[in-house]
Each structure stands twice: as C-alpha cells, then as structure tokens.
Amino acid sequence: TADALLSVNTAPSAGDWASQLQNV
C-alpha cells in the first residue's frame, strides 16, 4: 500500500493537539 492513510499526531507547537489523517 502506497500513500497509506494513517492518523499522525500533530506537533503541540503548531497549536494543535489532535491527530490528522495523512498519506504517509
């Protein structure tokens, strides 16, 4: 599987604490 969809934790320094679906 290429460009797999996974929930990646965002950096708190960016002002977000949620995970974001990304092609990783």
PDB file of all heavy atoms in Angstrom:
ATOM      1  N   THR A   1       0.844  -1.194   0.000  1.00  0.00           N
ATOM      2  CA  THR A   1       0.000   0.000   0.000  1.00  0.00           C
ATOM      3  C   THR A   1       0.872   1.234   0.000  1.00  0.00           C
ATOM      4  O   THR A   1       1.729   1.398   0.880  1.00  0.00           O
ATOM      5  CB  THR A   1      -0.917   0.025   1.242  1.00  0.00           C
ATOM      6  OG1 THR A   1      -1.746  -1.146   1.230  1.00  0.00           O
ATOM      7  CG2 THR A   1      -1.795   1.264   1.235  1.00  0.00           C
ATOM      8  N   ALA A   2       0.676   2.094  -0.989  1.00  0.00           N
ATOM      9  CA  ALA A   2       1.409   3.355  -1.081  1.00  0.00           C
ATOM     10  C   ALA A   2       0.503   4.496  -0.651  1.00  0.00           C
ATOM     11  O   ALA A   2      -0.726   4.399  -0.740  1.00  0.00           O
ATOM     12  CB  ALA A   2       1.897   3.584  -2.513  1.00  0.00           C
ATOM     13  N   ASP A   3       1.113   5.567  -0.172  1.00  0.00           N
ATOM     14  CA  ASP A   3       0.350   6.722   0.329  1.00  0.00           C
ATOM     15  C   ASP A   3      -0.668   6.280   1.379  1.00  0.00           C
ATOM     16  O   ASP A   3      -1.834   6.709   1.368  1.00  0.00           O
ATOM     17  CB  ASP A   3      -0.355   7.465  -0.812  1.00  0.00           C
ATOM     18  CG  ASP A   3       0.626   8.043  -1.812  1.00  0.00           C
ATOM     19  OD1 ASP A   3       1.723   8.441  -1.395  1.00  0.00           O
ATOM     20  OD2 ASP A   3       0.293   8.082  -3.014  1.00  0.00           O
ATOM     21  N   ALA A   4      -0.227   5.406   2.296  1.00  0.00           N
ATOM     22  CA  ALA A   4      -1.135   4.844   3.296  1.00  0.00           C
ATOM     23  C   ALA A   4      -1.738   5.941   4.163  1.00  0.00           C
ATOM     24  O   ALA A   4      -1.059   6.883   4.584  1.00  0.00           O
ATOM     25  CB  ALA A   4      -0.384   3.846   4.167  1.00  0.00           C
ATOM     26  N   LEU A   5      -3.032   5.816   4.459  1.00  0.00           N
ATOM     27  CA  LEU A   5      -3.747   6.794   5.280  1.00  0.00           C
ATOM     28  C   LEU A   5      -3.615   6.416   6.750  1.00  0.00           C
ATOM     29  O   LEU A   5      -4.148   5.400   7.195  1.00  0.00           O
ATOM     30  CB  LEU A   5      -5.222   6.843   4.882  1.00  0.00           C
ATOM     31  CG  LEU A   5      -5.519   7.456   3.516  1.00  0.00           C
ATOM     32  CD1 LEU A   5      -6.957   7.193   3.112  1.00  0.00           C
ATOM     33  CD2 LEU A   5      -5.242   8.947   3.532  1.00  0.00           C
ATOM     34  N   LEU A   6      -2.886   7.232   7.505  1.00  0.00           N
ATOM     35  CA  LEU A   6      -2.671   6.992   8.924  1.00  0.00           C
ATOM     36  C   LEU A   6      -2.891   8.275   9.702  1.00  0.00           C
ATOM     37  O   LEU A   6      -2.612   9.373   9.194  1.00  0.00           O
ATOM     38  CB  LEU A   6      -1.246   6.479   9.176  1.00  0.00           C
ATOM     39  CG  LEU A   6      -0.872   5.160   8.504  1.00  0.00           C
ATOM     40  CD1 LEU A   6       0.612   4.879   8.694  1.00  0.00           C
ATOM     41  CD2 LEU A   6      -1.702   4.020   9.050  1.00  0.00           C
ATOM     42  N   SER A   7      -3.395   8.143  10.933  1.00  0.00           N
ATOM     43  CA  SER A   7      -3.625   9.307  11.790  1.00  0.00           C
ATOM     44  C   SER A   7      -2.316   9.668  12.489  1.00  0.00           C
ATOM     45  O   SER A   7      -1.868   8.950  13.379  1.00  0.00           O
ATOM     46  CB  SER A   7      -4.722   9.010  12.818  1.00  0.00           C
ATOM     47  OG  SER A   7      -5.966   8.845  12.184  1.00  0.00           O
ATOM     48  N   VAL A   8      -1.717  10.772  12.091  1.00  0.00           N
ATOM     49  CA  VAL A   8      -0.425  11.218  12.608  1.00  0.00           C
ATOM     50  C   VAL A   8      -0.658  12.309  13.646  1.00  0.00           C
ATOM     51  O   VAL A   8      -1.430  13.248  13.417  1.00  0.00           O
ATOM     52  CB  VAL A   8       0.471  11.744  11.469  1.00  0.00           C
ATOM     53  CG1 VAL A   8       1.820  12.187  12.010  1.00  0.00           C
ATOM     54  CG2 VAL A   8       0.647  10.676  10.398  1.00  0.00           C
ATOM     55  N   ASN A   9       0.002  12.184  14.793  1.00  0.00           N
ATOM     56  CA  ASN A   9      -0.127  13.213  15.823  1.00  0.00           C
ATOM     57  C   ASN A   9       0.537  14.505  15.355  1.00  0.00           C
ATOM     58  O   ASN A   9       1.655  14.494  14.844  1.00  0.00           O
ATOM     59  CB  ASN A   9       0.537  12.742  17.120  1.00  0.00           C
ATOM     60  CG  ASN A   9      -0.169  11.557  17.730  1.00  0.00           C
ATOM     61  OD1 ASN A   9      -1.372  11.391  17.552  1.00  0.00           O
ATOM     62  ND2 ASN A   9       0.572  10.724  18.438  1.00  0.00           N
ATOM     63  N   THR A  10      -0.147  15.609  15.543  1.00  0.00           N
ATOM     64  CA  THR A  10       0.411  16.902  15.164  1.00  0.00           C
ATOM     65  C   THR A  10       1.248  17.463  16.310  1.00  0.00           C
ATOM     66  O   THR A  10       1.044  17.128  17.472  1.00  0.00           O
ATOM     67  CB  THR A  10      -0.706  17.893  14.811  1.00  0.00           C
ATOM     68  OG1 THR A  10      -1.605  17.991  15.924  1.00  0.00           O
ATOM     69  CG2 THR A  10      -1.487  17.426  13.592  1.00  0.00           C
ATOM     70  N   ALA A  11       2.187  18.306  15.985  1.00  0.00           N
ATOM     71  CA  ALA A  11       3.077  18.884  16.987  1.00  0.00           C
ATOM     72  C   ALA A  11       2.324  19.908  17.832  1.00  0.00           C
ATOM     73  O   ALA A  11       1.654  20.791  17.290  1.00  0.00           O
ATOM     74  CB  ALA A  11       4.267  19.550  16.307  1.00  0.00           C
ATOM     75  N   PRO A  12       2.390  19.809  19.172  1.00  0.00           N
ATOM     76  CA  PRO A  12       1.718  20.796  20.026  1.00  0.00           C
ATOM     77  C   PRO A  12       2.193  22.220  19.746  1.00  0.00           C
ATOM     78  O   PRO A  12       1.433  23.172  19.942  1.00  0.00           O
ATOM     79  CB  PRO A  12       2.104  20.345  21.443  1.00  0.00           C
ATOM     80  CG  PRO A  12       2.402  18.888  21.313  1.00  0.00           C
ATOM     81  CD  PRO A  12       3.017  18.733  19.947  1.00  0.00           C
ATOM     82  N   SER A  13       3.431  22.368  19.289  1.00  0.00           N
ATOM     83  CA  SER A  13       3.948  23.703  18.999  1.00  0.00           C
ATOM     84  C   SER A  13       3.199  24.371  17.863  1.00  0.00           C
ATOM     85  O   SER A  13       3.244  25.599  17.710  1.00  0.00           O
ATOM     86  CB  SER A  13       5.445  23.629  18.663  1.00  0.00           C
ATOM     87  OG  SER A  13       5.652  22.783  17.538  1.00  0.00           O
ATOM     88  N   ALA A  14       2.474  23.567  17.068  1.00  0.00           N
ATOM     89  CA  ALA A  14       1.680  24.140  15.975  1.00  0.00           C
ATOM     90  C   ALA A  14       0.326  24.626  16.462  1.00  0.00           C
ATOM     91  O   ALA A  14      -0.452  25.175  15.671  1.00  0.00           O
ATOM     92  CB  ALA A  14       1.497  23.106  14.869  1.00  0.00           C
ATOM     93  N   GLY A  15       0.034  24.430  17.746  1.00  0.00           N
ATOM     94  CA  GLY A  15      -1.237  24.887  18.285  1.00  0.00           C
ATOM     95  C   GLY A  15      -2.338  23.857  18.210  1.00  0.00           C
ATOM     96  O   GLY A  15      -3.485  24.149  18.527  1.00  0.00           O
ATOM     97  N   ASP A  16      -2.006  22.629  17.781  1.00  0.00           N
ATOM     98  CA  ASP A  16      -2.993  21.562  17.661  1.00  0.00           C
ATOM     99  C   ASP A  16      -2.604  20.407  18.579  1.00  0.00           C
ATOM    100  O   ASP A  16      -1.431  20.133  18.783  1.00  0.00           O
ATOM    101  CB  ASP A  16      -3.077  21.052  16.214  1.00  0.00           C
ATOM    102  CG  ASP A  16      -3.467  22.158  15.240  1.00  0.00           C
ATOM    103  OD1 ASP A  16      -4.334  22.968  15.599  1.00  0.00           O
ATOM    104  OD2 ASP A  16      -2.895  22.201  14.136  1.00  0.00           O
ATOM    105  N   TRP A  17      -3.611  19.712  19.099  1.00  0.00           N
ATOM    106  CA  TRP A  17      -3.354  18.539  19.930  1.00  0.00           C
ATOM    107  C   TRP A  17      -4.024  17.298  19.368  1.00  0.00           C
ATOM    108  O   TRP A  17      -3.940  16.235  19.945  1.00  0.00           O
ATOM    109  CB  TRP A  17      -3.850  18.792  21.356  1.00  0.00           C
ATOM    110  CG  TRP A  17      -2.990  19.774  22.086  1.00  0.00           C
ATOM    111  CD1 TRP A  17      -1.900  19.488  22.861  1.00  0.00           C
ATOM    112  CD2 TRP A  17      -3.114  21.183  22.093  1.00  0.00           C
ATOM    113  NE1 TRP A  17      -1.350  20.644  23.348  1.00  0.00           N
ATOM    114  CE2 TRP A  17      -2.081  21.704  22.901  1.00  0.00           C
ATOM    115  CE3 TRP A  17      -3.997  22.085  21.494  1.00  0.00           C
ATOM    116  CZ2 TRP A  17      -1.901  23.068  23.128  1.00  0.00           C
ATOM    117  CZ3 TRP A  17      -3.825  23.430  21.711  1.00  0.00           C
ATOM    118  CH2 TRP A  17      -2.792  23.915  22.520  1.00  0.00           C
ATOM    119  N   ALA A  18      -4.684  17.431  18.245  1.00  0.00           N
ATOM    120  CA  ALA A  18      -5.392  16.294  17.650  1.00  0.00           C
ATOM    121  C   ALA A  18      -4.498  15.597  16.636  1.00  0.00           C
ATOM    122  O   ALA A  18      -3.454  16.102  16.235  1.00  0.00           O
ATOM    123  CB  ALA A  18      -6.678  16.782  16.977  1.00  0.00           C
ATOM    124  N   SER A  19      -4.895  14.402  16.239  1.00  0.00           N
ATOM    125  CA  SER A  19      -4.200  13.697  15.161  1.00  0.00           C
ATOM    126  C   SER A  19      -4.840  14.077  13.836  1.00  0.00           C
ATOM    127  O   SER A  19      -6.000  14.483  13.774  1.00  0.00           O
ATOM    128  CB  SER A  19      -4.260  12.186  15.378  1.00  0.00           C
ATOM    129  OG  SER A  19      -5.611  11.747  15.426  1.00  0.00           O
ATOM    130  N   GLN A  20      -4.068  13.925  12.765  1.00  0.00           N
ATOM    131  CA  GLN A  20      -4.533  14.311  11.438  1.00  0.00           C
ATOM    132  C   GLN A  20      -4.235  13.182  10.460  1.00  0.00           C
ATOM    133  O   GLN A  20      -3.127  12.650  10.416  1.00  0.00           O
ATOM    134  CB  GLN A  20      -3.843  15.588  10.963  1.00  0.00           C
ATOM    135  CG  GLN A  20      -4.066  15.924   9.491  1.00  0.00           C
ATOM    136  CD  GLN A  20      -5.530  16.142   9.164  1.00  0.00           C
ATOM    137  OE1 GLN A  20      -6.203  16.917   9.826  1.00  0.00           O
ATOM    138  NE2 GLN A  20      -6.029  15.453   8.149  1.00  0.00           N
ATOM    139  N   LEU A  21      -5.228  12.813   9.685  1.00  0.00           N
ATOM    140  CA  LEU A  21      -5.040  11.793   8.659  1.00  0.00           C
ATOM    141  C   LEU A  21      -4.087  12.318   7.590  1.00  0.00           C
ATOM    142  O   LEU A  21      -4.271  13.411   7.059  1.00  0.00           O
ATOM    143  CB  LEU A  21      -6.388  11.428   8.038  1.00  0.00           C
ATOM    144  CG  LEU A  21      -6.489  10.048   7.387  1.00  0.00           C
ATOM    145  CD1 LEU A  21      -6.327   8.949   8.424  1.00  0.00           C
ATOM    146  CD2 LEU A  21      -7.817   9.900   6.661  1.00  0.00           C
ATOM    147  N   GLN A  22      -3.049  11.517   7.300  1.00  0.00           N
ATOM    148  CA  GLN A  22      -2.057  11.895   6.297  1.00  0.00           C
ATOM    149  C   GLN A  22      -1.712  10.688   5.430  1.00  0.00           C
ATOM    150  O   GLN A  22      -1.851   9.540   5.848  1.00  0.00           O
ATOM    151  CB  GLN A  22      -0.779  12.418   6.958  1.00  0.00           C
ATOM    152  CG  GLN A  22      -0.953  13.678   7.785  1.00  0.00           C
ATOM    153  CD  GLN A  22       0.361  14.188   8.344  1.00  0.00           C
ATOM    154  OE1 GLN A  22       1.434  13.873   7.831  1.00  0.00           O
ATOM    155  NE2 GLN A  22       0.287  14.964   9.419  1.00  0.00           N
ATOM    156  N   ASN A  23      -1.257  10.990   4.211  1.00  0.00           N
ATOM    157  CA  ASN A  23      -0.717   9.953   3.339  1.00  0.00           C
ATOM    158  C   ASN A  23       0.757   9.771   3.696  1.00  0.00           C
ATOM    159  O   ASN A  23       1.587  10.604   3.360  1.00  0.00           O
ATOM    160  CB  ASN A  23      -0.850  10.347   1.869  1.00  0.00           C
ATOM    161  CG  ASN A  23      -2.299  10.492   1.443  1.00  0.00           C
ATOM    162  OD1 ASN A  23      -2.823  11.602   1.358  1.00  0.00           O
ATOM    163  ND2 ASN A  23      -2.945   9.376   1.190  1.00  0.00           N
ATOM    164  N   VAL A  24       1.051   8.690   4.407  1.00  0.00           N
ATOM    165  CA  VAL A  24       2.401   8.520   4.943  1.00  0.00           C
ATOM    166  C   VAL A  24       2.979   7.184   4.487  1.00  0.00           C
ATOM    167  O   VAL A  24       2.498   6.124   4.885  1.00  0.00           O
ATOM    168  CB  VAL A  24       2.401   8.565   6.488  1.00  0.00           C
ATOM    169  CG1 VAL A  24       3.823   8.418   7.017  1.00  0.00           C
ATOM    170  CG2 VAL A  24       1.809   9.864   6.980  1.00  0.00           C
TER     171      VAL A  24
END
